[in-house]
N, C-alpha and C. Protein backbone atom coordinates (compact mmCIF):
# COMPACT_ATOMS: atom_id res chain seq x y z
N MET A 1 -153.65 114.50 -80.55
CA MET A 1 -153.14 114.68 -79.21
C MET A 1 -151.62 114.70 -79.29
N SER A 2 -151.03 115.65 -78.57
CA SER A 2 -149.59 115.78 -78.61
C SER A 2 -148.94 114.72 -77.72
N ILE A 3 -147.65 114.54 -77.91
CA ILE A 3 -146.90 113.58 -77.09
C ILE A 3 -146.96 114.00 -75.64
N ARG A 4 -146.87 115.28 -75.41
CA ARG A 4 -146.90 115.79 -74.03
C ARG A 4 -148.22 115.42 -73.37
N HIS A 5 -149.33 115.61 -74.07
CA HIS A 5 -150.63 115.27 -73.52
C HIS A 5 -150.75 113.76 -73.31
N SER A 6 -150.16 112.98 -74.20
CA SER A 6 -150.20 111.53 -74.06
C SER A 6 -149.46 111.08 -72.81
N LEU A 7 -148.30 111.69 -72.53
CA LEU A 7 -147.53 111.34 -71.34
C LEU A 7 -148.29 111.74 -70.07
N VAL A 8 -148.90 112.92 -70.08
CA VAL A 8 -149.67 113.36 -68.92
C VAL A 8 -150.84 112.42 -68.68
N LEU A 9 -151.53 112.04 -69.76
CA LEU A 9 -152.65 111.12 -69.64
C LEU A 9 -152.19 109.76 -69.15
N ALA A 10 -151.08 109.27 -69.66
CA ALA A 10 -150.56 107.97 -69.24
C ALA A 10 -150.17 108.01 -67.76
N ALA A 11 -149.56 109.11 -67.34
CA ALA A 11 -149.18 109.24 -65.93
C ALA A 11 -150.42 109.30 -65.05
N ALA A 12 -151.42 110.01 -65.48
CA ALA A 12 -152.65 110.12 -64.70
C ALA A 12 -153.37 108.79 -64.58
N LEU A 13 -153.28 107.98 -65.60
CA LEU A 13 -153.92 106.67 -65.58
C LEU A 13 -153.04 105.61 -64.93
N GLY A 14 -151.85 105.98 -64.54
CA GLY A 14 -150.97 105.03 -63.87
C GLY A 14 -150.30 104.07 -64.83
N LEU A 15 -150.23 104.43 -66.08
CA LEU A 15 -149.61 103.55 -67.05
C LEU A 15 -148.11 103.78 -67.05
N ALA A 16 -147.38 102.73 -67.19
CA ALA A 16 -145.92 102.83 -67.22
C ALA A 16 -145.49 103.38 -68.56
N VAL A 17 -144.56 104.26 -68.52
CA VAL A 17 -143.97 104.80 -69.73
C VAL A 17 -142.58 104.21 -69.83
N ALA A 18 -142.26 103.68 -70.98
CA ALA A 18 -140.97 103.02 -71.16
C ALA A 18 -139.84 103.99 -70.90
N ALA A 19 -138.90 103.58 -70.12
CA ALA A 19 -137.71 104.37 -69.83
C ALA A 19 -136.54 103.68 -70.50
N PRO A 20 -135.47 104.41 -70.72
CA PRO A 20 -134.29 103.77 -71.30
C PRO A 20 -133.81 102.62 -70.42
N ALA A 21 -133.18 101.64 -71.02
CA ALA A 21 -132.75 100.43 -70.31
C ALA A 21 -131.87 100.76 -69.10
N SER A 22 -130.98 101.76 -69.23
CA SER A 22 -130.10 102.07 -68.11
C SER A 22 -130.90 102.59 -66.91
N ALA A 23 -131.95 103.35 -67.13
CA ALA A 23 -132.78 103.83 -66.04
C ALA A 23 -133.56 102.68 -65.41
N GLN A 24 -133.99 101.73 -66.23
CA GLN A 24 -134.72 100.59 -65.71
C GLN A 24 -133.81 99.74 -64.82
N ASP A 25 -132.54 99.57 -65.23
CA ASP A 25 -131.60 98.78 -64.44
C ASP A 25 -131.39 99.40 -63.06
N LYS A 26 -131.30 100.75 -63.01
CA LYS A 26 -131.08 101.42 -61.73
C LYS A 26 -132.31 101.32 -60.83
N ALA A 27 -133.47 101.23 -61.43
CA ALA A 27 -134.71 101.22 -60.64
C ALA A 27 -135.06 99.84 -60.10
N LYS A 28 -134.34 98.82 -60.51
CA LYS A 28 -134.65 97.47 -60.04
C LYS A 28 -134.44 97.39 -58.53
N ALA A 29 -135.38 96.77 -57.88
CA ALA A 29 -135.29 96.59 -56.44
C ALA A 29 -134.29 95.48 -56.13
N PRO A 30 -133.65 95.58 -54.96
CA PRO A 30 -132.72 94.50 -54.59
C PRO A 30 -133.51 93.21 -54.40
N PRO A 31 -132.84 92.10 -54.58
CA PRO A 31 -133.56 90.82 -54.42
C PRO A 31 -134.12 90.71 -53.00
N ALA A 32 -135.27 90.11 -52.90
CA ALA A 32 -135.93 89.94 -51.60
C ALA A 32 -135.10 89.02 -50.72
N LYS A 33 -135.04 89.37 -49.44
CA LYS A 33 -134.32 88.53 -48.49
C LYS A 33 -135.15 87.29 -48.21
N LYS A 34 -134.47 86.19 -48.07
CA LYS A 34 -135.16 84.95 -47.73
C LYS A 34 -135.49 84.96 -46.25
N ALA A 35 -136.68 84.54 -45.93
CA ALA A 35 -137.10 84.48 -44.53
C ALA A 35 -136.31 83.39 -43.81
N ALA A 36 -136.00 83.66 -42.56
CA ALA A 36 -135.30 82.66 -41.76
C ALA A 36 -136.22 81.45 -41.59
N PRO A 37 -135.65 80.28 -41.63
CA PRO A 37 -136.50 79.09 -41.45
C PRO A 37 -137.16 79.10 -40.08
N ALA A 38 -138.38 78.63 -40.05
CA ALA A 38 -139.12 78.56 -38.78
C ALA A 38 -138.45 77.54 -37.86
N MET A 39 -138.53 77.81 -36.58
CA MET A 39 -137.96 76.87 -35.61
C MET A 39 -138.82 75.63 -35.56
N ASP A 40 -138.20 74.51 -35.58
CA ASP A 40 -138.91 73.24 -35.48
C ASP A 40 -138.81 72.77 -34.04
N HIS A 41 -139.81 73.15 -33.24
CA HIS A 41 -139.76 72.84 -31.82
C HIS A 41 -139.85 71.34 -31.55
N ALA A 42 -140.58 70.63 -32.38
CA ALA A 42 -140.66 69.18 -32.20
C ALA A 42 -139.28 68.54 -32.41
N ALA A 43 -138.56 69.02 -33.42
CA ALA A 43 -137.22 68.48 -33.67
C ALA A 43 -136.27 68.85 -32.54
N MET A 44 -136.41 70.09 -32.02
CA MET A 44 -135.57 70.50 -30.89
C MET A 44 -135.84 69.59 -29.70
N HIS A 45 -137.09 69.32 -29.46
CA HIS A 45 -137.46 68.46 -28.33
C HIS A 45 -136.92 67.05 -28.53
N ALA A 46 -137.05 66.54 -29.74
CA ALA A 46 -136.55 65.19 -30.02
C ALA A 46 -135.04 65.13 -29.76
N GLU A 47 -134.34 66.18 -30.13
CA GLU A 47 -132.90 66.23 -29.89
C GLU A 47 -132.61 66.24 -28.38
N HIS A 48 -133.41 67.00 -27.62
CA HIS A 48 -133.24 67.01 -26.17
C HIS A 48 -133.42 65.60 -25.61
N MET A 49 -134.41 64.91 -26.10
CA MET A 49 -134.70 63.58 -25.58
C MET A 49 -133.56 62.60 -25.90
N LYS A 50 -132.93 62.79 -27.05
CA LYS A 50 -131.80 61.92 -27.42
C LYS A 50 -130.62 62.12 -26.47
N GLN A 51 -130.51 63.33 -25.91
CA GLN A 51 -129.37 63.65 -25.06
C GLN A 51 -129.50 63.07 -23.66
N LEU A 52 -130.65 62.54 -23.32
CA LEU A 52 -130.82 61.95 -21.99
C LEU A 52 -129.89 60.74 -21.86
N ASP A 53 -129.30 60.61 -20.68
CA ASP A 53 -128.48 59.43 -20.47
C ASP A 53 -128.89 58.74 -19.17
N GLY A 54 -128.25 57.65 -18.87
CA GLY A 54 -128.62 56.86 -17.70
C GLY A 54 -128.54 57.59 -16.38
N GLY A 55 -127.73 58.64 -16.28
CA GLY A 55 -127.59 59.36 -15.02
C GLY A 55 -128.61 60.47 -14.85
N LYS A 56 -129.51 60.62 -15.80
CA LYS A 56 -130.48 61.70 -15.73
C LYS A 56 -131.88 61.14 -15.59
N VAL A 57 -132.77 62.00 -15.18
CA VAL A 57 -134.17 61.61 -15.02
C VAL A 57 -134.76 61.33 -16.38
N ASP A 58 -135.56 60.30 -16.47
CA ASP A 58 -136.28 60.01 -17.69
C ASP A 58 -137.37 61.07 -17.82
N ALA A 59 -137.25 61.96 -18.82
CA ALA A 59 -138.19 63.06 -18.97
C ALA A 59 -139.62 62.56 -19.14
N ALA A 60 -139.79 61.38 -19.69
CA ALA A 60 -141.13 60.83 -19.84
C ALA A 60 -141.75 60.55 -18.49
N ALA A 61 -140.92 60.43 -17.45
CA ALA A 61 -141.44 60.18 -16.11
C ALA A 61 -142.15 61.40 -15.55
N TRP A 62 -141.93 62.57 -16.13
CA TRP A 62 -142.64 63.77 -15.70
C TRP A 62 -143.25 64.42 -16.93
N LYS A 63 -144.27 63.76 -17.44
CA LYS A 63 -144.89 64.19 -18.71
C LYS A 63 -145.48 65.59 -18.61
N GLU A 64 -145.92 66.02 -17.43
CA GLU A 64 -146.50 67.36 -17.28
C GLU A 64 -145.43 68.44 -17.49
N LEU A 65 -144.25 68.21 -16.93
CA LEU A 65 -143.16 69.17 -17.14
C LEU A 65 -142.72 69.16 -18.59
N ASP A 66 -142.70 68.01 -19.20
CA ASP A 66 -142.34 67.89 -20.61
C ASP A 66 -143.33 68.67 -21.48
N ALA A 67 -144.62 68.55 -21.18
CA ALA A 67 -145.64 69.28 -21.96
C ALA A 67 -145.46 70.79 -21.79
N TYR A 68 -145.16 71.23 -20.57
CA TYR A 68 -144.93 72.65 -20.33
C TYR A 68 -143.69 73.11 -21.09
N HIS A 69 -142.68 72.27 -21.09
CA HIS A 69 -141.44 72.59 -21.79
C HIS A 69 -141.68 72.84 -23.28
N MET A 70 -142.53 72.04 -23.88
CA MET A 70 -142.84 72.23 -25.31
C MET A 70 -143.48 73.61 -25.55
N LEU A 71 -144.37 74.01 -24.67
CA LEU A 71 -144.99 75.33 -24.80
C LEU A 71 -143.97 76.44 -24.54
N MET A 72 -143.10 76.22 -23.57
CA MET A 72 -142.08 77.22 -23.28
C MET A 72 -141.17 77.42 -24.50
N MET A 73 -140.77 76.33 -25.13
CA MET A 73 -139.93 76.46 -26.33
C MET A 73 -140.67 77.21 -27.43
N ALA A 74 -141.95 76.93 -27.61
CA ALA A 74 -142.72 77.53 -28.69
C ALA A 74 -143.01 79.01 -28.46
N THR A 75 -142.87 79.47 -27.23
CA THR A 75 -143.14 80.87 -26.93
C THR A 75 -141.89 81.67 -26.62
N TRP A 76 -141.00 81.11 -25.82
CA TRP A 76 -139.82 81.85 -25.39
C TRP A 76 -138.83 82.08 -26.54
N HIS A 77 -138.56 81.09 -27.35
CA HIS A 77 -137.57 81.27 -28.42
C HIS A 77 -137.97 82.35 -29.41
N PRO A 78 -139.21 82.39 -29.89
CA PRO A 78 -139.57 83.51 -30.78
C PRO A 78 -139.47 84.87 -30.07
N ALA A 79 -139.84 84.92 -28.80
CA ALA A 79 -139.75 86.17 -28.05
C ALA A 79 -138.30 86.60 -27.90
N LYS A 80 -137.46 85.67 -27.48
CA LYS A 80 -136.05 85.97 -27.23
C LYS A 80 -135.28 86.25 -28.51
N ASP A 81 -135.47 85.40 -29.51
CA ASP A 81 -134.65 85.47 -30.72
C ASP A 81 -135.14 86.49 -31.74
N LYS A 82 -136.45 86.69 -31.82
CA LYS A 82 -137.00 87.54 -32.88
C LYS A 82 -137.88 88.67 -32.35
N ASN A 83 -137.97 88.78 -31.02
CA ASN A 83 -138.87 89.76 -30.42
C ASN A 83 -140.31 89.54 -30.89
N ASP A 84 -140.67 88.30 -31.13
CA ASP A 84 -142.00 87.93 -31.62
C ASP A 84 -142.82 87.41 -30.44
N LEU A 85 -143.75 88.22 -29.97
CA LEU A 85 -144.56 87.85 -28.81
C LEU A 85 -145.91 87.25 -29.21
N ALA A 86 -146.17 87.13 -30.51
CA ALA A 86 -147.45 86.56 -30.96
C ALA A 86 -147.66 85.13 -30.44
N PRO A 87 -146.65 84.25 -30.48
CA PRO A 87 -146.87 82.91 -29.94
C PRO A 87 -147.21 82.93 -28.44
N THR A 88 -146.60 83.82 -27.69
CA THR A 88 -146.91 83.93 -26.27
C THR A 88 -148.37 84.35 -26.10
N ARG A 89 -148.77 85.37 -26.83
CA ARG A 89 -150.15 85.85 -26.73
C ARG A 89 -151.14 84.76 -27.12
N ALA A 90 -150.78 83.96 -28.11
CA ALA A 90 -151.69 82.92 -28.60
C ALA A 90 -151.74 81.70 -27.68
N LYS A 91 -150.64 81.38 -27.02
CA LYS A 91 -150.55 80.12 -26.27
C LYS A 91 -150.60 80.28 -24.76
N ILE A 92 -150.80 81.49 -24.25
CA ILE A 92 -150.71 81.69 -22.81
C ILE A 92 -151.78 80.90 -22.05
N GLY A 93 -152.95 80.74 -22.61
CA GLY A 93 -153.98 79.94 -21.95
C GLY A 93 -153.55 78.49 -21.79
N GLU A 94 -152.95 77.94 -22.84
CA GLU A 94 -152.43 76.58 -22.78
C GLU A 94 -151.30 76.47 -21.76
N MET A 95 -150.49 77.52 -21.68
CA MET A 95 -149.37 77.50 -20.73
C MET A 95 -149.88 77.49 -19.30
N VAL A 96 -150.92 78.27 -19.02
CA VAL A 96 -151.48 78.29 -17.66
C VAL A 96 -152.02 76.91 -17.31
N THR A 97 -152.75 76.32 -18.23
CA THR A 97 -153.30 74.97 -18.00
C THR A 97 -152.17 73.97 -17.74
N ALA A 98 -151.12 74.04 -18.57
CA ALA A 98 -149.98 73.12 -18.41
C ALA A 98 -149.24 73.38 -17.10
N ALA A 99 -149.11 74.65 -16.70
CA ALA A 99 -148.43 74.97 -15.44
C ALA A 99 -149.22 74.43 -14.24
N LYS A 100 -150.53 74.53 -14.32
CA LYS A 100 -151.36 73.98 -13.24
C LYS A 100 -151.21 72.46 -13.18
N ALA A 101 -151.08 71.83 -14.34
CA ALA A 101 -150.88 70.38 -14.38
C ALA A 101 -149.53 70.01 -13.76
N VAL A 102 -148.49 70.82 -14.02
CA VAL A 102 -147.18 70.58 -13.40
C VAL A 102 -147.30 70.70 -11.89
N ALA A 103 -147.97 71.75 -11.43
CA ALA A 103 -148.10 71.98 -9.99
C ALA A 103 -148.86 70.85 -9.30
N ALA A 104 -149.84 70.28 -9.99
CA ALA A 104 -150.66 69.22 -9.40
C ALA A 104 -150.04 67.84 -9.55
N SER A 105 -149.00 67.72 -10.35
CA SER A 105 -148.42 66.41 -10.63
C SER A 105 -147.42 65.99 -9.56
N LYS A 106 -147.10 64.73 -9.57
CA LYS A 106 -146.09 64.19 -8.65
C LYS A 106 -144.76 64.16 -9.42
N ALA A 107 -143.81 64.88 -8.88
CA ALA A 107 -142.49 64.91 -9.51
C ALA A 107 -141.80 63.57 -9.34
N PRO A 108 -140.95 63.19 -10.28
CA PRO A 108 -140.15 61.97 -10.11
C PRO A 108 -139.32 62.07 -8.82
N ALA A 109 -138.99 60.97 -8.25
CA ALA A 109 -138.27 60.93 -6.97
C ALA A 109 -137.00 61.78 -6.98
N ALA A 110 -136.27 61.75 -8.07
CA ALA A 110 -135.03 62.52 -8.16
C ALA A 110 -135.27 64.03 -8.15
N CYS A 111 -136.51 64.43 -8.38
CA CYS A 111 -136.86 65.85 -8.44
C CYS A 111 -137.54 66.34 -7.18
N GLN A 112 -137.67 65.48 -6.21
CA GLN A 112 -138.39 65.85 -4.99
C GLN A 112 -137.42 66.44 -3.97
N LYS A 113 -137.09 67.70 -4.22
CA LYS A 113 -136.21 68.47 -3.35
C LYS A 113 -136.96 69.73 -2.96
N PRO A 114 -136.71 70.30 -1.80
CA PRO A 114 -137.47 71.48 -1.36
C PRO A 114 -137.48 72.64 -2.37
N ALA A 115 -136.32 72.98 -2.90
CA ALA A 115 -136.26 74.10 -3.85
C ALA A 115 -137.08 73.80 -5.11
N LEU A 116 -137.04 72.56 -5.55
CA LEU A 116 -137.79 72.17 -6.74
C LEU A 116 -139.29 72.12 -6.46
N ALA A 117 -139.66 71.69 -5.26
CA ALA A 117 -141.08 71.67 -4.90
C ALA A 117 -141.63 73.09 -4.88
N LYS A 118 -140.84 74.02 -4.39
CA LYS A 118 -141.25 75.44 -4.37
C LYS A 118 -141.40 75.96 -5.80
N ALA A 119 -140.46 75.65 -6.66
CA ALA A 119 -140.52 76.08 -8.06
C ALA A 119 -141.72 75.45 -8.77
N GLN A 120 -141.96 74.19 -8.48
CA GLN A 120 -143.09 73.48 -9.08
C GLN A 120 -144.41 74.14 -8.67
N ALA A 121 -144.55 74.44 -7.40
CA ALA A 121 -145.77 75.06 -6.89
C ALA A 121 -145.95 76.48 -7.43
N GLY A 122 -144.86 77.20 -7.65
CA GLY A 122 -144.93 78.58 -8.11
C GLY A 122 -145.08 78.77 -9.61
N LEU A 123 -144.89 77.72 -10.37
CA LEU A 123 -144.90 77.86 -11.83
C LEU A 123 -146.24 78.38 -12.35
N ALA A 124 -147.33 77.90 -11.79
CA ALA A 124 -148.66 78.35 -12.26
C ALA A 124 -148.84 79.84 -11.99
N GLY A 125 -148.45 80.30 -10.82
CA GLY A 125 -148.58 81.73 -10.49
C GLY A 125 -147.75 82.60 -11.41
N GLU A 126 -146.52 82.16 -11.68
CA GLU A 126 -145.65 82.91 -12.59
C GLU A 126 -146.24 82.96 -14.00
N THR A 127 -146.82 81.86 -14.43
CA THR A 127 -147.43 81.80 -15.76
C THR A 127 -148.67 82.69 -15.80
N GLN A 128 -149.41 82.72 -14.71
CA GLN A 128 -150.61 83.57 -14.66
C GLN A 128 -150.25 85.06 -14.68
N LYS A 129 -149.08 85.42 -14.18
CA LYS A 129 -148.63 86.81 -14.28
C LYS A 129 -148.47 87.20 -15.75
N VAL A 130 -147.92 86.30 -16.54
CA VAL A 130 -147.78 86.57 -17.97
C VAL A 130 -149.16 86.65 -18.62
N GLN A 131 -150.05 85.76 -18.21
CA GLN A 131 -151.41 85.78 -18.75
C GLN A 131 -152.10 87.12 -18.44
N ALA A 132 -151.90 87.65 -17.25
CA ALA A 132 -152.49 88.94 -16.89
C ALA A 132 -151.95 90.06 -17.77
N LEU A 133 -150.68 90.00 -18.09
CA LEU A 133 -150.10 91.01 -18.99
C LEU A 133 -150.69 90.89 -20.39
N VAL A 134 -150.87 89.66 -20.86
CA VAL A 134 -151.48 89.46 -22.17
C VAL A 134 -152.91 90.01 -22.16
N ALA A 135 -153.65 89.70 -21.11
CA ALA A 135 -155.04 90.16 -21.00
C ALA A 135 -155.13 91.68 -20.96
N SER A 136 -154.14 92.33 -20.35
CA SER A 136 -154.16 93.79 -20.27
C SER A 136 -153.55 94.45 -21.50
N LYS A 137 -153.19 93.63 -22.46
CA LYS A 137 -152.59 94.11 -23.71
C LYS A 137 -151.31 94.92 -23.46
N ALA A 138 -150.49 94.39 -22.56
CA ALA A 138 -149.20 95.01 -22.24
C ALA A 138 -148.35 95.09 -23.50
N ASP A 139 -147.44 96.06 -23.51
CA ASP A 139 -146.57 96.18 -24.68
C ASP A 139 -145.57 95.04 -24.73
N ASP A 140 -144.94 94.90 -25.90
CA ASP A 140 -144.03 93.77 -26.12
C ASP A 140 -142.86 93.77 -25.14
N ALA A 141 -142.33 94.94 -24.79
CA ALA A 141 -141.17 94.99 -23.89
C ALA A 141 -141.54 94.42 -22.51
N ALA A 142 -142.69 94.81 -21.99
CA ALA A 142 -143.12 94.31 -20.68
C ALA A 142 -143.40 92.81 -20.75
N LEU A 143 -144.02 92.38 -21.83
CA LEU A 143 -144.35 90.97 -21.97
C LEU A 143 -143.08 90.13 -22.13
N LYS A 144 -142.12 90.63 -22.88
CA LYS A 144 -140.87 89.90 -23.05
C LYS A 144 -140.12 89.78 -21.72
N ALA A 145 -140.13 90.85 -20.93
CA ALA A 145 -139.47 90.81 -19.61
C ALA A 145 -140.16 89.77 -18.72
N ALA A 146 -141.48 89.72 -18.76
CA ALA A 146 -142.21 88.75 -17.96
C ALA A 146 -141.93 87.32 -18.45
N MET A 147 -141.81 87.15 -19.75
CA MET A 147 -141.49 85.82 -20.29
C MET A 147 -140.08 85.39 -19.86
N LYS A 148 -139.16 86.34 -19.80
CA LYS A 148 -137.81 85.99 -19.34
C LYS A 148 -137.86 85.54 -17.89
N ALA A 149 -138.62 86.25 -17.06
CA ALA A 149 -138.76 85.85 -15.66
C ALA A 149 -139.42 84.48 -15.54
N LEU A 150 -140.42 84.24 -16.37
CA LEU A 150 -141.09 82.94 -16.37
C LEU A 150 -140.13 81.84 -16.82
N HIS A 151 -139.37 82.12 -17.85
CA HIS A 151 -138.38 81.15 -18.34
C HIS A 151 -137.36 80.83 -17.25
N ASP A 152 -136.92 81.86 -16.53
CA ASP A 152 -135.95 81.65 -15.45
C ASP A 152 -136.56 80.78 -14.35
N ALA A 153 -137.84 81.01 -14.04
CA ALA A 153 -138.53 80.19 -13.03
C ALA A 153 -138.64 78.74 -13.51
N PHE A 154 -138.93 78.57 -14.78
CA PHE A 154 -139.02 77.23 -15.36
C PHE A 154 -137.65 76.54 -15.33
N ASP A 155 -136.60 77.30 -15.59
CA ASP A 155 -135.25 76.73 -15.58
C ASP A 155 -134.87 76.13 -14.24
N VAL A 156 -135.41 76.65 -13.16
CA VAL A 156 -135.13 76.07 -11.84
C VAL A 156 -135.55 74.61 -11.84
N LEU A 157 -136.74 74.34 -12.39
CA LEU A 157 -137.21 72.95 -12.47
C LEU A 157 -136.40 72.16 -13.48
N GLU A 158 -136.23 72.73 -14.64
CA GLU A 158 -135.56 72.01 -15.72
C GLU A 158 -134.13 71.63 -15.34
N GLU A 159 -133.39 72.59 -14.82
CA GLU A 159 -132.00 72.32 -14.47
C GLU A 159 -131.87 71.58 -13.14
N GLY A 160 -132.69 71.95 -12.18
CA GLY A 160 -132.62 71.32 -10.86
C GLY A 160 -133.02 69.86 -10.88
N CYS A 161 -133.94 69.53 -11.78
CA CYS A 161 -134.40 68.15 -11.89
C CYS A 161 -133.47 67.35 -12.81
N ASN A 162 -132.57 68.06 -13.51
CA ASN A 162 -131.61 67.40 -14.38
C ASN A 162 -132.30 66.51 -15.41
N THR A 163 -133.31 67.08 -16.06
CA THR A 163 -134.06 66.31 -17.04
C THR A 163 -133.34 66.14 -18.37
N GLY A 164 -132.39 67.01 -18.65
CA GLY A 164 -131.74 66.94 -19.95
C GLY A 164 -132.49 67.71 -21.02
N MET A 165 -133.57 68.37 -20.67
CA MET A 165 -134.39 69.09 -21.66
C MET A 165 -133.87 70.50 -21.84
N LYS A 166 -132.65 70.65 -22.23
CA LYS A 166 -132.06 71.98 -22.42
C LYS A 166 -132.59 72.60 -23.70
N HIS A 167 -132.68 73.92 -23.67
CA HIS A 167 -133.13 74.65 -24.87
C HIS A 167 -132.42 75.94 -25.01
């Protein structure tokens, strides 16, 4: 068998044929990029809790809002920062349940203001709008826009109640 036939056979079989070192150096792929570290939502929340001071509402006093906040962090940050809507799609059922719990709960005295009561009552409906988009398999752009609106609605409670749970 000739060298030419050997090379054709090797190529057909997918066997590598040795190339000169300089060609091999040029063909090397660039080093793989390191993945960004995953967000540690529990650590973020712990940091928020450390920031509470005597002039603010004890976030533990409104555990339902705190639970919703944890879900909001786990869904909104990936959507906002990385355009990753998978956490939203995966956790929207939990978010609806948590939003209903917020709506049914008694807000701490410092949070019992008309605007906050309206935001508290509306949180479940706003969350269900996102759930409807997930159920209809809406595209990422529409879902991200709805998550931003939901986050803004949540911020009314978070900021208005002065819980210290900034994110």
